[in-house]
Amino acid sequence: MKKTMVAALAAALTIGAASTTFAASNPFSDVPRDHWAYDAVTQLAADGVVEGYGDGTYRGDRNITRYEMAQMVARAMAKGDMSASDRALVDRLAAEFADELNNLGVRVANLERNADMVKWTGELRYRYWSLRHEDQAKTNKDQLQLRLFPTAEVNKNWKVKARLTAGNNMKTDESGKVALSYAYADGNYGNLNVKLGKMSLYTASDEGLVADDFFSGASVTFGSKLKTTIEAGRWKGIKSAADPAANYQGINFGYATGKLAAGLGYRHFTSDAFKKVDYAKSGNEDTADIISLGGKYTFDKNVSLAGYYAKNTKADNLEQSATIQLNYKGEKKADMGSWGAYVAYRHVAPNVSFVPTYSTDHLTNGASTKGTKGIDLGVSYVPFKNVLTQMQYFNGKELGSDHKVQTLFSRVSFFF
């Protein structure tokens, strides 16, 4: 019977393109005779995987349309007893005829994942800083950075995610080495998420006011409207001569419903690097206990207001940070012409905001080690799909000295 089916299919393929009247009456175009799918289906027929129209024939008196071939693929997808090579052919055919299969109500997401287990995305970004500090010389800096994000599927519950980063100094034309920013196994079981490896250390309860970096360890998140995240590991952001990384433990609660989102978090760090008098008066404190909280209220589709506060209860100096931000609209990188703007007040102290998203991190670019306070203005715009432009201006003072600090920061990102 297999030989009969192959012969019938071969006869069908010798017939010319479908007539104009038939093509007009059928919403699916015929598959060209030189299309790779013909060879794939022929091989599957020879192996007994594809069974034609269900009556053992391919109806060689007329052409096979994409819709009809999709029906054959759908039946092949339901089979479990096939060789690895035949399964690979079925996966390729499922991806080729995905639209037709979806019209038939056949989901092909799992097959598409199997056909392409590793996916790459990326970002090419250009950043520019113009820094002015009252008692320092004016400095400018521009940097090109490439980020690559591979995602590999292990099974239906687990993926491996990573980021490779390489930078280039545009002024000196010097490039740094490619670095592994993070790599971790990501497991999802309904409302339970588990991460193992080197991953993001982002203090979600304060939107990165305390830290926006990476740590090595484990993270567990569970819950629906109320999400709880427990983390533990090592973080090189705080290190001493005797210990290259701090011990870290943290717990974060996040709640979101309707127009309101709120968070509460606690982070504990241990390192000999804290043993200094400008951190604690005793000069012998080796821990940081940081409590942070805040929330965001969305008034309508255009306006939202957010506020966050953090305090290190173990530090005696520069131990409190806070920010309040009014947002208008918001850009979406896939939506050409979309834009957003904000105005904010930042008070960012270094003994609580270790590696913040806000001003002392990327706006002042390390120009102030004592922290800053002031007004932060920003605007973003998407001139083309997946191209994001941003400009920010910070005008404030250095904490403690009250020296003036001004920064103009801009960024252009190309996402792929």
Protein backbone atom coordinates (compact mmCIF):
# COMPACT_ATOMS: atom_id res chain seq x y z
CA MET A 1 0.00 0.00 0.00
CA LYS A 2 2.91 2.31 0.72
CA LYS A 3 4.15 1.93 -2.86
CA THR A 4 0.65 2.72 -4.16
CA MET A 5 0.52 5.86 -2.06
CA VAL A 6 3.96 7.03 -3.20
CA ALA A 7 3.07 6.36 -6.83
CA ALA A 8 -0.17 8.26 -6.44
CA LEU A 9 1.63 11.20 -4.91
CA ALA A 10 4.22 11.17 -7.68
CA ALA A 11 1.41 11.23 -10.23
CA ALA A 12 -0.16 14.18 -8.47
CA LEU A 13 3.11 16.10 -8.54
CA THR A 14 3.45 15.67 -12.31
CA ILE A 15 0.24 17.61 -12.89
CA GLY A 16 0.75 21.32 -13.59
CA ALA A 17 -0.27 24.23 -11.41
CA ALA A 18 -3.88 24.36 -10.37
CA SER A 19 -6.33 26.04 -12.74
CA THR A 20 -7.17 29.69 -12.22
CA THR A 21 -10.75 28.91 -11.30
CA PHE A 22 -9.73 26.31 -8.69
CA ALA A 23 -7.14 28.63 -7.10
CA ALA A 24 -9.70 31.40 -6.88
CA SER A 25 -12.19 29.15 -5.11
CA ASN A 26 -9.64 27.84 -2.59
CA PRO A 27 -8.21 30.20 0.05
CA PHE A 28 -4.91 28.31 0.15
CA SER A 29 -2.38 28.50 -2.67
CA ASP A 30 -0.95 25.29 -4.14
CA VAL A 31 2.44 24.14 -2.93
CA PRO A 32 4.99 24.53 -5.78
CA ARG A 33 6.23 21.29 -7.23
CA ASP A 34 9.84 22.12 -6.33
CA HIS A 35 8.95 22.90 -2.70
CA TRP A 36 10.96 20.94 -0.11
CA ALA A 37 7.69 19.85 1.53
CA TYR A 38 6.94 17.49 -1.37
CA ASP A 39 10.09 15.51 -0.71
CA ALA A 40 9.34 15.53 3.02
CA VAL A 41 5.82 14.20 2.55
CA THR A 42 7.06 11.58 0.06
CA GLN A 43 9.55 10.34 2.64
CA LEU A 44 6.89 10.24 5.36
CA ALA A 45 4.57 8.32 3.03
CA ALA A 46 7.31 5.79 2.30
CA ASP A 47 7.78 5.34 6.05
CA GLY A 48 4.05 4.90 6.62
CA VAL A 49 3.65 8.09 8.65
CA VAL A 50 1.45 10.05 6.22
CA GLU A 51 -1.79 8.39 5.12
CA GLY A 52 -3.04 10.72 2.44
CA TYR A 53 -6.74 11.53 2.51
CA GLY A 54 -7.60 8.76 4.89
CA ASP A 55 -8.67 6.36 2.16
CA GLY A 56 -5.13 5.33 1.20
CA THR A 57 -4.84 7.63 -1.85
CA TYR A 58 -3.51 11.06 -2.74
CA ARG A 59 -6.15 11.63 -5.44
CA GLY A 60 -3.64 12.08 -8.20
CA ASP A 61 -6.26 13.44 -10.58
CA ARG A 62 -5.74 16.96 -9.16
CA ASN A 63 -3.18 19.05 -7.32
CA ILE A 64 -2.54 18.93 -3.57
CA THR A 65 -3.19 22.29 -1.93
CA ARG A 66 -1.58 23.67 1.20
CA TYR A 67 -4.80 23.05 3.09
CA GLU A 68 -4.89 19.40 2.07
CA MET A 69 -1.23 18.92 2.88
CA ALA A 70 -1.81 20.52 6.29
CA GLN A 71 -4.49 17.91 6.97
CA MET A 72 -1.95 15.17 6.26
CA VAL A 73 0.57 16.85 8.55
CA ALA A 74 -2.06 17.14 11.30
CA ARG A 75 -2.64 13.39 11.17
CA ALA A 76 1.10 12.76 11.24
CA MET A 77 1.44 15.03 14.29
CA ALA A 78 -0.95 12.76 16.18
CA LYS A 79 1.29 9.74 15.69
CA GLY A 80 3.69 8.87 18.47
CA ASP A 81 5.54 5.91 17.00
CA MET A 82 7.96 7.37 14.47
CA SER A 83 11.72 7.62 14.08
CA ALA A 84 13.70 10.68 15.09
CA SER A 85 14.26 11.63 11.43
CA ASP A 86 10.54 11.35 10.65
CA ARG A 87 9.70 13.42 13.74
CA ALA A 88 12.11 16.11 12.54
CA LEU A 89 10.35 16.16 9.14
CA VAL A 90 6.94 16.47 10.81
CA ASP A 91 8.24 19.35 12.95
CA ARG A 92 9.52 21.20 9.87
CA LEU A 93 6.24 20.63 8.04
CA ALA A 94 4.28 21.83 11.07
CA ALA A 95 6.25 25.08 11.07
CA GLU A 96 5.77 25.47 7.30
CA PHE A 97 1.99 24.95 7.45
CA ALA A 98 1.44 26.65 10.82
CA ASP A 99 -1.24 29.04 9.53
CA GLU A 100 -3.23 26.26 7.88
CA LEU A 101 -2.87 24.04 10.93
CA ASN A 102 -4.07 26.82 13.19
CA ASN A 103 -7.13 27.19 10.97
CA LEU A 104 -7.70 23.49 11.52
CA GLY A 105 -7.41 24.04 15.27
CA VAL A 106 -4.10 22.22 15.56
CA ARG A 107 -1.63 23.91 17.92
CA VAL A 108 2.00 23.71 16.79
CA ALA A 109 3.74 25.68 19.54
CA ASN A 110 5.34 22.59 21.07
CA LEU A 111 6.60 21.38 17.69
CA GLU A 112 8.02 24.80 16.87
CA ARG A 113 9.89 24.76 20.17
CA ASN A 114 11.34 21.36 19.40
CA ALA A 115 12.41 22.49 15.93
CA ASP A 116 14.26 25.50 17.34
CA MET A 117 15.40 24.83 20.90
CA VAL A 118 17.72 27.86 21.16
CA LYS A 119 16.56 31.36 20.30
CA TRP A 120 18.66 34.52 20.21
CA THR A 121 17.58 38.10 20.71
CA GLY A 122 19.77 41.15 21.22
CA GLU A 123 20.27 44.86 21.67
CA LEU A 124 22.83 47.25 20.25
CA ARG A 125 22.91 50.41 22.35
CA TYR A 126 24.80 53.68 22.14
CA ARG A 127 25.09 55.80 25.30
CA TYR A 128 26.44 59.30 25.86
CA TRP A 129 27.12 61.21 29.08
CA SER A 130 28.04 64.86 29.56
CA LEU A 131 29.01 65.20 33.25
CA ARG A 132 29.51 68.39 35.24
CA HIS A 133 30.59 68.36 38.88
CA GLU A 134 31.34 71.58 40.75
CA ASP A 135 34.83 70.61 41.95
CA GLN A 136 35.76 68.35 39.03
CA ALA A 137 36.61 68.90 35.39
CA LYS A 138 33.83 68.50 32.83
CA THR A 139 33.86 65.03 31.28
CA ASN A 140 32.12 63.44 28.33
CA LYS A 141 31.78 59.75 27.62
CA ASP A 142 30.25 57.74 24.80
CA GLN A 143 29.96 53.99 24.70
CA LEU A 144 28.73 51.34 22.30
CA GLN A 145 27.44 48.12 23.82
CA LEU A 146 26.20 44.85 22.34
CA ARG A 147 23.95 42.53 24.34
CA LEU A 148 23.02 39.04 23.20
CA PHE A 149 20.30 37.02 24.92
CA PRO A 150 20.22 33.25 24.20
CA THR A 151 17.27 31.25 25.52
CA ALA A 152 17.42 27.45 25.37
CA GLU A 153 14.48 25.16 26.11
CA VAL A 154 15.25 22.15 28.27
CA ASN A 155 11.69 20.80 28.52
CA LYS A 156 8.17 22.19 28.92
CA ASN A 157 8.98 23.57 32.38
CA TRP A 158 12.64 24.58 32.23
CA LYS A 159 14.69 27.00 30.15
CA VAL A 160 18.26 28.25 30.34
CA LYS A 161 18.68 32.00 29.91
CA ALA A 162 21.86 34.06 29.57
CA ARG A 163 23.25 37.43 28.53
CA LEU A 164 26.56 38.10 26.78
CA THR A 165 27.78 41.70 26.87
CA ALA A 166 30.56 43.47 25.00
CA GLY A 167 31.40 47.18 25.10
CA ASN A 168 33.38 49.64 23.02
CA ASN A 169 34.77 53.07 23.98
CA MET A 170 33.85 55.24 21.00
CA LYS A 171 36.43 57.92 21.84
CA THR A 172 39.45 55.61 22.07
CA ASP A 173 38.06 52.88 19.76
CA GLU A 174 38.91 50.30 22.42
CA SER A 175 36.73 47.25 22.91
CA GLY A 176 36.36 45.24 26.06
CA LYS A 177 36.12 41.48 26.33
CA VAL A 178 32.85 39.63 25.93
CA ALA A 179 31.49 39.02 29.42
CA LEU A 180 28.83 36.67 30.73
CA SER A 181 26.47 39.00 32.60
CA TYR A 182 24.20 36.21 33.77
CA ALA A 183 23.28 32.58 33.12
CA TYR A 184 20.62 30.66 35.00
CA ALA A 185 18.10 27.83 34.78
CA ASP A 186 14.53 29.11 34.85
CA GLY A 187 11.78 26.70 35.95
CA ASN A 188 8.06 27.47 35.77
CA TYR A 189 5.28 25.42 37.36
CA GLY A 190 2.09 27.48 37.27
CA ASN A 191 2.44 30.22 39.90
CA LEU A 192 5.80 28.85 41.05
CA ASN A 193 9.06 30.05 39.48
CA VAL A 194 12.55 28.80 40.39
CA LYS A 195 15.85 30.30 39.22
CA LEU A 196 19.28 28.75 39.77
CA GLY A 197 22.60 30.31 38.69
CA LYS A 198 23.68 33.90 38.17
CA MET A 199 20.63 36.11 37.77
CA SER A 200 19.22 39.58 38.21
CA LEU A 201 19.45 41.28 41.60
CA TYR A 202 16.68 43.82 41.08
CA THR A 203 14.94 45.22 44.16
CA ALA A 204 11.41 45.16 42.77
CA SER A 205 9.78 46.64 45.87
CA ASP A 206 11.54 49.96 45.19
CA GLU A 207 11.93 49.67 41.38
CA GLY A 208 15.72 49.36 41.56
CA LEU A 209 16.34 52.15 44.07
CA VAL A 210 18.56 49.82 46.14
CA ALA A 211 20.04 47.57 43.44
CA ASP A 212 19.86 46.77 39.74
CA ASP A 213 22.63 44.24 39.24
CA PHE A 214 23.29 40.45 39.32
CA PHE A 215 24.02 37.84 41.98
CA SER A 216 24.89 34.14 42.06
CA GLY A 217 22.53 31.85 43.92
CA ALA A 218 18.88 30.83 43.92
CA SER A 219 15.50 32.53 43.72
CA VAL A 220 11.97 31.23 44.31
CA THR A 221 8.81 33.20 43.41
CA PHE A 222 5.27 32.08 44.14
CA GLY A 223 1.77 33.56 44.30
CA SER A 224 -0.69 35.25 41.97
CA LYS A 225 -1.85 38.77 42.86
CA LEU A 226 0.43 38.71 45.89
CA LYS A 227 3.83 37.49 44.72
CA THR A 228 6.58 36.50 47.14
CA THR A 229 10.21 36.19 46.08
CA ILE A 230 12.90 34.64 48.29
CA GLU A 231 16.56 34.98 47.22
CA ALA A 232 19.93 33.88 48.59
CA GLY A 233 23.48 33.80 47.28
CA ARG A 234 26.64 35.85 46.80
CA TRP A 235 27.01 39.34 45.34
CA LYS A 236 30.28 40.90 44.18
CA GLY A 237 28.89 44.45 44.32
CA ILE A 238 30.08 44.68 47.93
CA LYS A 239 33.47 43.09 48.49
CA SER A 240 36.49 43.36 50.75
CA ALA A 241 40.13 42.42 50.42
CA ALA A 242 39.46 39.23 52.39
CA ASP A 243 36.18 38.32 50.70
CA PRO A 244 35.48 39.00 46.99
CA ALA A 245 31.69 38.86 47.41
CA ALA A 246 29.07 39.60 50.05
CA ASN A 247 26.60 37.05 51.39
CA TYR A 248 23.08 38.01 50.39
CA GLN A 249 19.56 37.04 51.45
CA GLY A 250 16.37 38.80 50.53
CA ILE A 251 12.59 38.58 50.50
CA ASN A 252 10.22 40.68 48.42
CA PHE A 253 6.43 41.00 48.44
CA GLY A 254 4.65 42.48 45.44
CA TYR A 255 0.93 43.13 45.07
CA ALA A 256 -0.88 44.35 41.97
CA THR A 257 -4.56 44.82 41.28
CA GLY A 258 -6.43 47.25 39.07
CA LYS A 259 -4.67 50.61 39.07
CA LEU A 260 -2.49 49.98 42.12
CA ALA A 261 0.83 48.16 42.45
CA ALA A 262 2.77 48.04 45.73
CA GLY A 263 5.85 46.33 47.15
CA LEU A 264 7.70 45.65 50.40
CA GLY A 265 11.17 44.15 50.64
CA TYR A 266 13.95 43.22 53.05
CA ARG A 267 17.59 42.61 52.02
CA HIS A 268 20.48 41.45 54.20
CA PHE A 269 24.14 41.69 53.15
CA THR A 270 27.23 40.57 55.07
CA SER A 271 30.75 41.80 54.18
CA ASP A 272 33.87 43.14 55.88
CA ALA A 273 33.69 45.98 53.34
CA PHE A 274 31.12 47.72 55.60
CA LYS A 275 33.70 48.09 58.37
CA LYS A 276 34.46 51.79 57.98
CA VAL A 277 33.52 54.90 59.93
CA ASP A 278 31.73 56.58 57.02
CA TYR A 279 29.32 53.63 57.05
CA ALA A 280 28.75 53.11 60.80
CA LYS A 281 30.17 55.16 63.66
CA SER A 282 31.68 52.12 65.34
CA GLY A 283 33.65 51.18 62.24
CA ASN A 284 33.05 47.51 63.06
CA GLU A 285 29.66 46.87 61.43
CA ASP A 286 29.79 44.12 58.81
CA THR A 287 26.12 43.88 57.79
CA ALA A 288 23.47 45.83 55.91
CA ASP A 289 19.77 45.43 56.69
CA ILE A 290 17.72 47.27 54.11
CA ILE A 291 13.97 47.77 54.21
CA SER A 292 12.29 49.24 51.14
CA LEU A 293 8.72 49.92 50.12
CA GLY A 294 6.68 51.86 47.61
CA GLY A 295 4.00 51.75 45.00
CA LYS A 296 2.59 53.05 41.76
CA TYR A 297 -0.91 54.31 41.00
CA THR A 298 -2.15 54.56 37.42
CA PHE A 299 -4.79 57.26 37.05
CA ASP A 300 -5.61 56.55 33.40
CA LYS A 301 -3.92 55.25 30.25
CA ASN A 302 -1.58 58.28 30.17
CA VAL A 303 -0.75 59.33 33.77
CA SER A 304 0.77 57.44 36.69
CA LEU A 305 2.53 58.40 39.91
CA ALA A 306 5.17 56.29 41.68
CA GLY A 307 7.05 56.69 44.95
CA TYR A 308 9.69 54.52 46.69
CA TYR A 309 11.71 54.65 49.93
CA ALA A 310 14.60 52.59 51.30
CA LYS A 311 16.61 52.63 54.55
CA ASN A 312 19.65 50.71 55.78
CA THR A 313 19.07 50.20 59.51
CA LYS A 314 22.72 49.22 60.11
CA ALA A 315 24.29 52.35 58.58
CA ASP A 316 24.69 55.67 60.41
CA ASN A 317 25.53 57.85 57.41
CA LEU A 318 23.89 58.34 53.99
CA GLU A 319 21.50 55.50 54.86
CA GLN A 320 18.19 56.70 53.33
CA SER A 321 17.04 56.99 49.70
CA ALA A 322 13.75 58.06 48.15
CA THR A 323 12.26 58.92 44.79
CA ILE A 324 8.94 60.18 43.48
CA GLN A 325 8.13 60.15 39.76
CA LEU A 326 5.25 61.39 37.61
CA ASN A 327 4.91 59.55 34.29
CA TYR A 328 3.07 60.59 31.13
CA LYS A 329 2.25 58.02 28.48
CA GLY A 330 4.99 55.47 27.79
CA GLU A 331 6.90 54.16 24.81
CA LYS A 332 6.61 50.64 23.38
CA LYS A 333 9.60 49.62 21.31
CA ALA A 334 7.45 47.66 18.84
CA ASP A 335 5.08 50.61 18.32
CA MET A 336 6.59 53.21 15.97
CA GLY A 337 5.71 56.75 17.04
CA SER A 338 5.01 55.90 20.68
CA TRP A 339 6.63 58.08 23.33
CA GLY A 340 6.73 58.83 27.04
CA ALA A 341 8.01 61.44 29.48
CA TYR A 342 8.57 61.80 33.21
CA VAL A 343 9.64 64.25 35.90
CA ALA A 344 11.10 62.97 39.16
CA TYR A 345 12.85 63.94 42.36
CA ARG A 346 15.69 61.64 43.47
CA HIS A 347 17.52 61.39 46.78
CA VAL A 348 19.99 58.54 46.31
CA ALA A 349 22.42 57.70 49.15
CA PRO A 350 25.30 55.23 48.62
CA ASN A 351 25.02 53.34 51.92
CA VAL A 352 21.56 52.08 50.99
CA SER A 353 21.42 52.44 47.20
CA PHE A 354 24.36 50.18 46.38
CA VAL A 355 23.87 49.88 42.59
CA PRO A 356 20.68 51.81 41.80
CA THR A 357 18.85 52.21 38.53
CA TYR A 358 18.55 55.89 39.30
CA SER A 359 20.82 58.91 39.17
CA THR A 360 24.07 57.87 40.89
CA ASP A 361 24.28 54.84 38.62
CA HIS A 362 23.71 55.69 34.96
CA LEU A 363 22.97 59.43 35.06
CA THR A 364 26.03 60.64 36.94
CA ASN A 365 27.97 57.52 35.84
CA GLY A 366 29.94 57.39 39.06
CA ALA A 367 30.83 61.11 39.10
CA SER A 368 29.58 61.30 42.70
CA THR A 369 30.50 58.62 45.25
CA LYS A 370 28.59 60.41 48.03
CA GLY A 371 25.20 60.20 46.37
CA THR A 372 23.01 62.91 44.87
CA LYS A 373 19.68 64.66 45.21
CA GLY A 374 17.84 66.67 42.59
CA ILE A 375 15.44 66.82 39.67
CA ASP A 376 15.52 64.19 36.94
CA LEU A 377 13.72 64.79 33.61
CA GLY A 378 13.37 62.25 30.83
CA VAL A 379 11.73 61.63 27.47
CA SER A 380 11.67 58.56 25.21
CA TYR A 381 10.55 58.09 21.62
CA VAL A 382 10.32 55.22 19.10
CA PRO A 383 11.15 56.65 15.63
CA PHE A 384 11.10 53.21 14.01
CA LYS A 385 9.89 49.81 15.11
CA ASN A 386 12.31 48.27 17.67
CA VAL A 387 14.43 51.44 17.80
CA LEU A 388 14.23 53.30 21.11
CA THR A 389 15.71 56.76 21.79
CA GLN A 390 15.98 58.25 25.28
CA MET A 391 17.22 61.53 26.73
CA GLN A 392 17.56 62.45 30.39
CA TYR A 393 18.73 65.52 32.28
CA PHE A 394 19.69 65.56 35.96
CA ASN A 395 20.26 68.76 37.94
CA GLY A 396 21.07 68.45 41.62
CA LYS A 397 23.62 68.43 44.39
CA GLU A 398 26.03 65.98 45.94
CA LEU A 399 24.91 64.75 49.34
CA GLY A 400 27.02 66.06 52.19
CA SER A 401 29.05 68.63 50.22
CA ASP A 402 26.15 70.27 48.35
CA HIS A 403 28.40 70.54 45.28
CA LYS A 404 26.36 71.02 42.12
CA VAL A 405 26.00 68.05 39.78
CA GLN A 406 24.55 68.19 36.26
CA THR A 407 24.28 65.38 33.75
CA LEU A 408 22.96 65.05 30.22
CA PHE A 409 22.42 61.44 29.27
CA SER A 410 21.17 59.96 25.99
CA ARG A 411 20.73 56.46 24.64
CA VAL A 412 19.74 54.86 21.32
CA SER A 413 18.87 51.15 21.35
CA PHE A 414 18.32 48.80 18.42
CA PHE A 415 16.48 45.61 19.38
CA PHE A 416 16.62 42.44 17.30
